[in-house]
Amino acid sequence: MNDWSLYLVRTCMNTLYTGITTDVERRFLEHCSGGSKGARYLRGKGPLSLVWHEQVGSKSEASKLEYRVKKLCKSDKERLAAGLISLDVLLKR
């Protein structure tokens, strides 16, 4: 069982993309390359910046957290990215 991470990527239009992976650095490079392995949403929206990531456990846990973070308002995602609030606190509401 691999340890999965949840991450946020900022686009040049200041939008935040949420994803999960077992290797954040590799996945971010895939997104930056603009190739077929990167997320379609991020193509043509570079330069990209990895603004936050956190190890979250199993794939199942990561998927559930990804779904919940994607539902958050942008201001909450920004607070998470800035380190002003933790993932645990944010999702306990």
PDB file of N, CA and C in Angstrom:
ATOM      1  N   MET A   1       0.840  -1.191   0.000  1.00  0.00           N
ATOM      2  CA  MET A   1       0.000   0.000   0.000  1.00  0.00           C
ATOM      3  C   MET A   1       0.878   1.245   0.000  1.00  0.00           C
ATOM      4  N   ASN A   2       0.642   2.120  -0.979  1.00  0.00           N
ATOM      5  CA  ASN A   2       1.405   3.359  -1.086  1.00  0.00           C
ATOM      6  C   ASN A   2       0.763   4.458  -0.264  1.00  0.00           C
ATOM      7  N   ASP A   3       1.572   5.415   0.126  1.00  0.00           N
ATOM      8  CA  ASP A   3       1.036   6.597   0.801  1.00  0.00           C
ATOM      9  C   ASP A   3       0.626   7.602  -0.270  1.00  0.00           C
ATOM     10  N   TRP A   4      -0.586   8.042  -0.191  1.00  0.00           N
ATOM     11  CA  TRP A   4      -1.131   8.977  -1.164  1.00  0.00           C
ATOM     12  C   TRP A   4      -1.096  10.398  -0.619  1.00  0.00           C
ATOM     13  N   SER A   5      -0.973  11.343  -1.533  1.00  0.00           N
ATOM     14  CA  SER A   5      -0.949  12.759  -1.176  1.00  0.00           C
ATOM     15  C   SER A   5      -2.039  13.502  -1.925  1.00  0.00           C
ATOM     16  N   LEU A   6      -2.517  14.545  -1.290  1.00  0.00           N
ATOM     17  CA  LEU A   6      -3.462  15.479  -1.872  1.00  0.00           C
ATOM     18  C   LEU A   6      -2.662  16.738  -2.192  1.00  0.00           C
ATOM     19  N   TYR A   7      -2.922  17.365  -3.340  1.00  0.00           N
ATOM     20  CA  TYR A   7      -2.140  18.549  -3.696  1.00  0.00           C
ATOM     21  C   TYR A   7      -3.004  19.598  -4.387  1.00  0.00           C
ATOM     22  N   LEU A   8      -2.514  20.841  -4.357  1.00  0.00           N
ATOM     23  CA  LEU A   8      -3.150  21.969  -5.043  1.00  0.00           C
ATOM     24  C   LEU A   8      -2.134  22.599  -5.994  1.00  0.00           C
ATOM     25  N   VAL A   9      -2.586  22.856  -7.222  1.00  0.00           N
ATOM     26  CA  VAL A   9      -1.766  23.504  -8.248  1.00  0.00           C
ATOM     27  C   VAL A   9      -2.470  24.795  -8.647  1.00  0.00           C
ATOM     28  N   ARG A  10      -1.693  25.891  -8.722  1.00  0.00           N
ATOM     29  CA  ARG A  10      -2.244  27.181  -9.151  1.00  0.00           C
ATOM     30  C   ARG A  10      -1.904  27.401 -10.625  1.00  0.00           C
ATOM     31  N   THR A  11      -2.910  27.870 -11.392  1.00  0.00           N
ATOM     32  CA  THR A  11      -2.706  28.164 -12.807  1.00  0.00           C
ATOM     33  C   THR A  11      -2.362  29.647 -12.984  1.00  0.00           C
ATOM     34  N   CYS A  12      -2.025  30.020 -14.207  1.00  0.00           N
ATOM     35  CA  CYS A  12      -1.709  31.428 -14.487  1.00  0.00           C
ATOM     36  C   CYS A  12      -2.940  32.323 -14.329  1.00  0.00           C
ATOM     37  N   MET A  13      -4.139  31.722 -14.358  1.00  0.00           N
ATOM     38  CA  MET A  13      -5.384  32.488 -14.181  1.00  0.00           C
ATOM     39  C   MET A  13      -5.823  32.519 -12.716  1.00  0.00           C
ATOM     40  N   ASN A  14      -4.933  32.057 -11.835  1.00  0.00           N
ATOM     41  CA  ASN A  14      -5.150  32.060 -10.391  1.00  0.00           C
ATOM     42  C   ASN A  14      -6.236  31.079  -9.938  1.00  0.00           C
ATOM     43  N   THR A  15      -6.526  30.067 -10.734  1.00  0.00           N
ATOM     44  CA  THR A  15      -7.446  29.012 -10.302  1.00  0.00           C
ATOM     45  C   THR A  15      -6.642  27.936  -9.591  1.00  0.00           C
ATOM     46  N   LEU A  16      -7.308  27.160  -8.757  1.00  0.00           N
ATOM     47  CA  LEU A  16      -6.644  26.083  -8.020  1.00  0.00           C
ATOM     48  C   LEU A  16      -7.191  24.738  -8.478  1.00  0.00           C
ATOM     49  N   TYR A  17      -6.289  23.843  -8.829  1.00  0.00           N
ATOM     50  CA  TYR A  17      -6.628  22.494  -9.249  1.00  0.00           C
ATOM     51  C   TYR A  17      -6.274  21.554  -8.100  1.00  0.00           C
ATOM     52  N   THR A  18      -7.158  20.630  -7.777  1.00  0.00           N
ATOM     53  CA  THR A  18      -6.936  19.667  -6.697  1.00  0.00           C
ATOM     54  C   THR A  18      -6.741  18.283  -7.290  1.00  0.00           C
ATOM     55  N   GLY A  19      -5.737  17.560  -6.790  1.00  0.00           N
ATOM     56  CA  GLY A  19      -5.501  16.203  -7.271  1.00  0.00           C
ATOM     57  C   GLY A  19      -4.895  15.322  -6.199  1.00  0.00           C
ATOM     58  N   ILE A  20      -4.781  14.018  -6.522  1.00  0.00           N
ATOM     59  CA  ILE A  20      -4.144  13.054  -5.616  1.00  0.00           C
ATOM     60  C   ILE A  20      -3.100  12.267  -6.395  1.00  0.00           C
ATOM     61  N   THR A  21      -2.092  11.782  -5.686  1.00  0.00           N
ATOM     62  CA  THR A  21      -1.025  11.010  -6.309  1.00  0.00           C
ATOM     63  C   THR A  21      -0.182  10.328  -5.238  1.00  0.00           C
ATOM     64  N   THR A  22       0.641   9.380  -5.661  1.00  0.00           N
ATOM     65  CA  THR A  22       1.615   8.769  -4.753  1.00  0.00           C
ATOM     66  C   THR A  22       2.978   9.450  -4.870  1.00  0.00           C
ATOM     67  N   ASP A  23       3.158  10.292  -5.892  1.00  0.00           N
ATOM     68  CA  ASP A  23       4.425  10.982  -6.125  1.00  0.00           C
ATOM     69  C   ASP A  23       4.124  12.399  -6.615  1.00  0.00           C
ATOM     70  N   VAL A  24       4.096  13.336  -5.707  1.00  0.00           N
ATOM     71  CA  VAL A  24       3.697  14.711  -6.016  1.00  0.00           C
ATOM     72  C   VAL A  24       4.616  15.351  -7.048  1.00  0.00           C
ATOM     73  N   GLU A  25       5.922  15.202  -6.900  1.00  0.00           N
ATOM     74  CA  GLU A  25       6.873  15.820  -7.825  1.00  0.00           C
ATOM     75  C   GLU A  25       6.672  15.303  -9.253  1.00  0.00           C
ATOM     76  N   ARG A  26       6.558  13.985  -9.392  1.00  0.00           N
ATOM     77  CA  ARG A  26       6.357  13.385 -10.720  1.00  0.00           C
ATOM     78  C   ARG A  26       5.054  13.873 -11.339  1.00  0.00           C
ATOM     79  N   ARG A  27       3.984  13.874 -10.545  1.00  0.00           N
ATOM     80  CA  ARG A  27       2.680  14.272 -11.062  1.00  0.00           C
ATOM     81  C   ARG A  27       2.667  15.735 -11.471  1.00  0.00           C
ATOM     82  N   PHE A  28       3.306  16.593 -10.683  1.00  0.00           N
ATOM     83  CA  PHE A  28       3.373  18.015 -11.025  1.00  0.00           C
ATOM     84  C   PHE A  28       4.123  18.213 -12.342  1.00  0.00           C
ATOM     85  N   LEU A  29       5.216  17.481 -12.531  1.00  0.00           N
ATOM     86  CA  LEU A  29       5.968  17.581 -13.788  1.00  0.00           C
ATOM     87  C   LEU A  29       5.131  17.105 -14.972  1.00  0.00           C
ATOM     88  N   GLU A  30       4.309  16.088 -14.755  1.00  0.00           N
ATOM     89  CA  GLU A  30       3.403  15.634 -15.818  1.00  0.00           C
ATOM     90  C   GLU A  30       2.413  16.734 -16.190  1.00  0.00           C
ATOM     91  N   HIS A  31       1.886  17.414 -15.187  1.00  0.00           N
ATOM     92  CA  HIS A  31       0.965  18.523 -15.454  1.00  0.00           C
ATOM     93  C   HIS A  31       1.678  19.645 -16.216  1.00  0.00           C
ATOM     94  N   CYS A  32       2.886  19.964 -15.803  1.00  0.00           N
ATOM     95  CA  CYS A  32       3.635  21.062 -16.427  1.00  0.00           C
ATOM     96  C   CYS A  32       4.009  20.774 -17.871  1.00  0.00           C
ATOM     97  N   SER A  33       4.221  19.510 -18.189  1.00  0.00           N
ATOM     98  CA  SER A  33       4.646  19.147 -19.537  1.00  0.00           C
ATOM     99  C   SER A  33       3.546  19.371 -20.565  1.00  0.00           C
ATOM    100  N   GLY A  34       2.288  19.377 -20.124  1.00  0.00           N
ATOM    101  CA  GLY A  34       1.180  19.589 -21.043  1.00  0.00           C
ATOM    102  C   GLY A  34       0.875  18.382 -21.912  1.00  0.00           C
ATOM    103  N   GLY A  35       1.515  17.259 -21.637  1.00  0.00           N
ATOM    104  CA  GLY A  35       1.312  16.048 -22.427  1.00  0.00           C
ATOM    105  C   GLY A  35       0.057  15.291 -22.031  1.00  0.00           C
ATOM    106  N   SER A  36      -0.070  14.108 -22.581  1.00  0.00           N
ATOM    107  CA  SER A  36      -1.282  13.312 -22.368  1.00  0.00           C
ATOM    108  C   SER A  36      -1.426  12.793 -20.941  1.00  0.00           C
ATOM    109  N   LYS A  37      -0.349  12.775 -20.169  1.00  0.00           N
ATOM    110  CA  LYS A  37      -0.432  12.288 -18.789  1.00  0.00           C
ATOM    111  C   LYS A  37      -0.878  13.357 -17.806  1.00  0.00           C
ATOM    112  N   GLY A  38      -0.802  14.609 -18.203  1.00  0.00           N
ATOM    113  CA  GLY A  38      -1.240  15.696 -17.335  1.00  0.00           C
ATOM    114  C   GLY A  38      -2.754  15.857 -17.400  1.00  0.00           C
ATOM    115  N   ALA A  39      -3.310  16.532 -16.419  1.00  0.00           N
ATOM    116  CA  ALA A  39      -4.752  16.771 -16.390  1.00  0.00           C
ATOM    117  C   ALA A  39      -5.164  17.673 -17.548  1.00  0.00           C
ATOM    118  N   ARG A  40      -6.222  17.301 -18.217  1.00  0.00           N
ATOM    119  CA  ARG A  40      -6.721  18.083 -19.358  1.00  0.00           C
ATOM    120  C   ARG A  40      -7.057  19.507 -18.923  1.00  0.00           C
ATOM    121  N   TYR A  41      -7.602  19.666 -17.728  1.00  0.00           N
ATOM    122  CA  TYR A  41      -7.972  20.990 -17.225  1.00  0.00           C
ATOM    123  C   TYR A  41      -6.774  21.948 -17.195  1.00  0.00           C
ATOM    124  N   LEU A  42      -5.581  21.430 -16.935  1.00  0.00           N
ATOM    125  CA  LEU A  42      -4.409  22.284 -16.760  1.00  0.00           C
ATOM    126  C   LEU A  42      -3.683  22.612 -18.063  1.00  0.00           C
ATOM    127  N   ARG A  43      -4.028  21.950 -19.145  1.00  0.00           N
ATOM    128  CA  ARG A  43      -3.338  22.186 -20.421  1.00  0.00           C
ATOM    129  C   ARG A  43      -3.581  23.612 -20.906  1.00  0.00           C
ATOM    130  N   GLY A  44      -2.489  24.295 -21.225  1.00  0.00           N
ATOM    131  CA  GLY A  44      -2.572  25.658 -21.728  1.00  0.00           C
ATOM    132  C   GLY A  44      -2.804  26.709 -20.659  1.00  0.00           C
ATOM    133  N   LYS A  45      -2.737  26.307 -19.394  1.00  0.00           N
ATOM    134  CA  LYS A  45      -2.988  27.253 -18.307  1.00  0.00           C
ATOM    135  C   LYS A  45      -1.727  27.534 -17.494  1.00  0.00           C
ATOM    136  N   GLY A  46      -0.569  27.247 -18.073  1.00  0.00           N
ATOM    137  CA  GLY A  46       0.695  27.463 -17.388  1.00  0.00           C
ATOM    138  C   GLY A  46       1.129  28.907 -17.496  1.00  0.00           C
ATOM    139  N   PRO A  47       2.135  29.315 -16.754  1.00  0.00           N
ATOM    140  CA  PRO A  47       2.919  28.435 -15.884  1.00  0.00           C
ATOM    141  C   PRO A  47       2.117  28.020 -14.641  1.00  0.00           C
ATOM    142  N   LEU A  48       2.399  26.808 -14.226  1.00  0.00           N
ATOM    143  CA  LEU A  48       1.734  26.230 -13.057  1.00  0.00           C
ATOM    144  C   LEU A  48       2.656  26.309 -11.854  1.00  0.00           C
ATOM    145  N   SER A  49       2.061  26.356 -10.674  1.00  0.00           N
ATOM    146  CA  SER A  49       2.877  26.293  -9.460  1.00  0.00           C
ATOM    147  C   SER A  49       2.201  25.361  -8.464  1.00  0.00           C
ATOM    148  N   LEU A  50       3.007  24.517  -7.860  1.00  0.00           N
ATOM    149  CA  LEU A  50       2.524  23.622  -6.819  1.00  0.00           C
ATOM    150  C   LEU A  50       2.482  24.447  -5.539  1.00  0.00           C
ATOM    151  N   VAL A  51       1.293  24.676  -5.003  1.00  0.00           N
ATOM    152  CA  VAL A  51       1.170  25.581  -3.864  1.00  0.00           C
ATOM    153  C   VAL A  51       0.971  24.872  -2.530  1.00  0.00           C
ATOM    154  N   TRP A  52       0.568  23.594  -2.562  1.00  0.00           N
ATOM    155  CA  TRP A  52       0.341  22.881  -1.302  1.00  0.00           C
ATOM    156  C   TRP A  52       0.250  21.393  -1.580  1.00  0.00           C
ATOM    157  N   HIS A  53       0.737  20.594  -0.642  1.00  0.00           N
ATOM    158  CA  HIS A  53       0.511  19.150  -0.694  1.00  0.00           C
ATOM    159  C   HIS A  53       0.650  18.575   0.706  1.00  0.00           C
ATOM    160  N   GLU A  54      -0.063  17.466   0.930  1.00  0.00           N
ATOM    161  CA  GLU A  54      -0.031  16.807   2.228  1.00  0.00           C
ATOM    162  C   GLU A  54      -0.288  15.317   2.026  1.00  0.00           C
ATOM    163  N   GLN A  55       0.500  14.513   2.722  1.00  0.00           N
ATOM    164  CA  GLN A  55       0.298  13.073   2.675  1.00  0.00           C
ATOM    165  C   GLN A  55      -0.966  12.739   3.472  1.00  0.00           C
ATOM    166  N   VAL A  56      -1.851  11.900   2.873  1.00  0.00           N
ATOM    167  CA  VAL A  56      -3.145  11.663   3.503  1.00  0.00           C
ATOM    168  C   VAL A  56      -3.473  10.190   3.744  1.00  0.00           C
ATOM    169  N   GLY A  57      -2.649   9.258   3.345  1.00  0.00           N
ATOM    170  CA  GLY A  57      -2.901   7.846   3.630  1.00  0.00           C
ATOM    171  C   GLY A  57      -3.210   7.017   2.411  1.00  0.00           C
ATOM    172  N   SER A  58      -4.257   6.216   2.501  1.00  0.00           N
ATOM    173  CA  SER A  58      -4.608   5.275   1.433  1.00  0.00           C
ATOM    174  C   SER A  58      -5.260   5.992   0.248  1.00  0.00           C
ATOM    175  N   LYS A  59      -5.375   5.284  -0.862  1.00  0.00           N
ATOM    176  CA  LYS A  59      -6.023   5.848  -2.042  1.00  0.00           C
ATOM    177  C   LYS A  59      -7.480   6.186  -1.740  1.00  0.00           C
ATOM    178  N   SER A  60      -8.132   5.337  -0.989  1.00  0.00           N
ATOM    179  CA  SER A  60      -9.530   5.574  -0.634  1.00  0.00           C
ATOM    180  C   SER A  60      -9.674   6.868   0.166  1.00  0.00           C
ATOM    181  N   GLU A  61      -8.825   7.039   1.167  1.00  0.00           N
ATOM    182  CA  GLU A  61      -8.862   8.263   1.979  1.00  0.00           C
ATOM    183  C   GLU A  61      -8.562   9.481   1.118  1.00  0.00           C
ATOM    184  N   ALA A  62      -7.550   9.355   0.256  1.00  0.00           N
ATOM    185  CA  ALA A  62      -7.157  10.467  -0.609  1.00  0.00           C
ATOM    186  C   ALA A  62      -8.300  10.866  -1.537  1.00  0.00           C
ATOM    187  N   SER A  63      -8.980   9.890  -2.097  1.00  0.00           N
ATOM    188  CA  SER A  63     -10.097  10.173  -3.010  1.00  0.00           C
ATOM    189  C   SER A  63     -11.237  10.896  -2.285  1.00  0.00           C
ATOM    190  N   LYS A  64     -11.532  10.458  -1.084  1.00  0.00           N
ATOM    191  CA  LYS A  64     -12.593  11.101  -0.305  1.00  0.00           C
ATOM    192  C   LYS A  64     -12.226  12.545   0.035  1.00  0.00           C
ATOM    193  N   LEU A  65     -10.969  12.753   0.429  1.00  0.00           N
ATOM    194  CA  LEU A  65     -10.522  14.109   0.753  1.00  0.00           C
ATOM    195  C   LEU A  65     -10.492  14.994  -0.485  1.00  0.00           C
ATOM    196  N   GLU A  66     -10.049  14.436  -1.606  1.00  0.00           N
ATOM    197  CA  GLU A  66     -10.025  15.200  -2.856  1.00  0.00           C
ATOM    198  C   GLU A  66     -11.428  15.698  -3.191  1.00  0.00           C
ATOM    199  N   TYR A  67     -12.404  14.829  -3.078  1.00  0.00           N
ATOM    200  CA  TYR A  67     -13.796  15.186  -3.359  1.00  0.00           C
ATOM    201  C   TYR A  67     -14.252  16.327  -2.448  1.00  0.00           C
ATOM    202  N   ARG A  68     -13.921  16.228  -1.169  1.00  0.00           N
ATOM    203  CA  ARG A  68     -14.345  17.257  -0.211  1.00  0.00           C
ATOM    204  C   ARG A  68     -13.640  18.589  -0.451  1.00  0.00           C
ATOM    205  N   VAL A  69     -12.339  18.543  -0.767  1.00  0.00           N
ATOM    206  CA  VAL A  69     -11.601  19.786  -1.025  1.00  0.00           C
ATOM    207  C   VAL A  69     -12.120  20.445  -2.303  1.00  0.00           C
ATOM    208  N   LYS A  70     -12.428  19.656  -3.315  1.00  0.00           N
ATOM    209  CA  LYS A  70     -12.960  20.233  -4.552  1.00  0.00           C
ATOM    210  C   LYS A  70     -14.280  20.960  -4.316  1.00  0.00           C
ATOM    211  N   LYS A  71     -15.021  20.586  -3.300  1.00  0.00           N
ATOM    212  CA  LYS A  71     -16.301  21.223  -2.972  1.00  0.00           C
ATOM    213  C   LYS A  71     -16.130  22.513  -2.162  1.00  0.00           C
ATOM    214  N   LEU A  72     -14.941  22.759  -1.621  1.00  0.00           N
ATOM    215  CA  LEU A  72     -14.705  23.953  -0.810  1.00  0.00           C
ATOM    216  C   LEU A  72     -14.759  25.216  -1.662  1.00  0.00           C
ATOM    217  N   CYS A  73     -15.087  26.333  -1.027  1.00  0.00           N
ATOM    218  CA  CYS A  73     -15.033  27.609  -1.731  1.00  0.00           C
ATOM    219  C   CYS A  73     -13.558  27.996  -1.931  1.00  0.00           C
ATOM    220  N   LYS A  74     -13.331  28.891  -2.875  1.00  0.00           N
ATOM    221  CA  LYS A  74     -11.962  29.272  -3.218  1.00  0.00           C
ATOM    222  C   LYS A  74     -11.227  29.885  -2.025  1.00  0.00           C
ATOM    223  N   SER A  75     -11.918  30.657  -1.213  1.00  0.00           N
ATOM    224  CA  SER A  75     -11.241  31.294  -0.076  1.00  0.00           C
ATOM    225  C   SER A  75     -10.726  30.241   0.916  1.00  0.00           C
ATOM    226  N   ASP A  76     -11.467  29.168   1.125  1.00  0.00           N
ATOM    227  CA  ASP A  76     -10.993  28.098   2.009  1.00  0.00           C
ATOM    228  C   ASP A  76      -9.800  27.376   1.400  1.00  0.00           C
ATOM    229  N   LYS A  77      -9.822  27.153   0.089  1.00  0.00           N
ATOM    230  CA  LYS A  77      -8.678  26.524  -0.580  1.00  0.00           C
ATOM    231  C   LYS A  77      -7.447  27.422  -0.477  1.00  0.00           C
ATOM    232  N   GLU A  78      -7.654  28.734  -0.603  1.00  0.00           N
ATOM    233  CA  GLU A  78      -6.539  29.687  -0.476  1.00  0.00           C
ATOM    234  C   GLU A  78      -5.956  29.656   0.931  1.00  0.00           C
ATOM    235  N   ARG A  79      -6.807  29.580   1.931  1.00  0.00           N
ATOM    236  CA  ARG A  79      -6.331  29.511   3.320  1.00  0.00           C
ATOM    237  C   ARG A  79      -5.542  28.223   3.542  1.00  0.00           C
ATOM    238  N   LEU A  80      -5.989  27.123   2.954  1.00  0.00           N
ATOM    239  CA  LEU A  80      -5.273  25.855   3.046  1.00  0.00           C
ATOM    240  C   LEU A  80      -3.903  25.979   2.378  1.00  0.00           C
ATOM    241  N   ALA A  81      -3.869  26.537   1.172  1.00  0.00           N
ATOM    242  CA  ALA A  81      -2.617  26.703   0.427  1.00  0.00           C
ATOM    243  C   ALA A  81      -1.632  27.605   1.164  1.00  0.00           C
ATOM    244  N   ALA A  82      -2.144  28.607   1.848  1.00  0.00           N
ATOM    245  CA  ALA A  82      -1.293  29.561   2.572  1.00  0.00           C
ATOM    246  C   ALA A  82      -0.840  29.024   3.930  1.00  0.00           C
ATOM    247  N   GLY A  83      -1.366  27.881   4.335  1.00  0.00           N
ATOM    248  CA  GLY A  83      -0.991  27.317   5.625  1.00  0.00           C
ATOM    249  C   GLY A  83      -1.693  27.980   6.795  1.00  0.00           C
ATOM    250  N   LEU A  84      -2.751  28.725   6.516  1.00  0.00           N
ATOM    251  CA  LEU A  84      -3.478  29.414   7.574  1.00  0.00           C
ATOM    252  C   LEU A  84      -4.455  28.506   8.303  1.00  0.00           C
ATOM    253  N   ILE A  85      -4.738  27.375   7.691  1.00  0.00           N
ATOM    254  CA  ILE A  85      -5.651  26.409   8.297  1.00  0.00           C
ATOM    255  C   ILE A  85      -5.220  25.012   7.865  1.00  0.00           C
ATOM    256  N   SER A  86      -5.409  24.045   8.733  1.00  0.00           N
ATOM    257  CA  SER A  86      -4.998  22.679   8.393  1.00  0.00           C
ATOM    258  C   SER A  86      -6.144  21.955   7.710  1.00  0.00           C
ATOM    259  N   LEU A  87      -5.809  20.923   6.983  1.00  0.00           N
ATOM    260  CA  LEU A  87      -6.799  20.099   6.297  1.00  0.00           C
ATOM    261  C   LEU A  87      -7.786  19.507   7.283  1.00  0.00           C
ATOM    262  N   ASP A  88      -7.296  19.017   8.415  1.00  0.00           N
ATOM    263  CA  ASP A  88      -8.163  18.437   9.429  1.00  0.00           C
ATOM    264  C   ASP A  88      -9.197  19.430   9.934  1.00  0.00           C
ATOM    265  N   VAL A  89      -8.770  20.625  10.266  1.00  0.00           N
ATOM    266  CA  VAL A  89      -9.662  21.655  10.791  1.00  0.00           C
ATOM    267  C   VAL A  89     -10.666  22.074   9.717  1.00  0.00           C
ATOM    268  N   LEU A  90     -10.194  22.248   8.522  1.00  0.00           N
ATOM    269  CA  LEU A  90     -11.042  22.699   7.432  1.00  0.00           C
ATOM    270  C   LEU A  90     -12.168  21.726   7.127  1.00  0.00           C
ATOM    271  N   LEU A  91     -11.879  20.442   7.191  1.00  0.00           N
ATOM    272  CA  LEU A  91     -12.868  19.441   6.815  1.00  0.00           C
ATOM    273  C   LEU A  91     -13.742  18.973   7.962  1.00  0.00           C
ATOM    274  N   LYS A  92     -13.461  19.427   9.182  1.00  0.00           N
ATOM    275  CA  LYS A  92     -14.295  19.050  10.335  1.00  0.00           C
ATOM    276  C   LYS A  92     -15.571  19.867  10.400  1.00  0.00           C
ATOM    277  N   ARG A  93     -15.632  20.952   9.658  1.00  0.00           N
ATOM    278  CA  ARG A  93     -16.813  21.830   9.695  1.00  0.00           C
ATOM    279  C   ARG A  93     -18.030  21.108   9.201  1.00  0.00           C
TER     280      ARG A  93
END
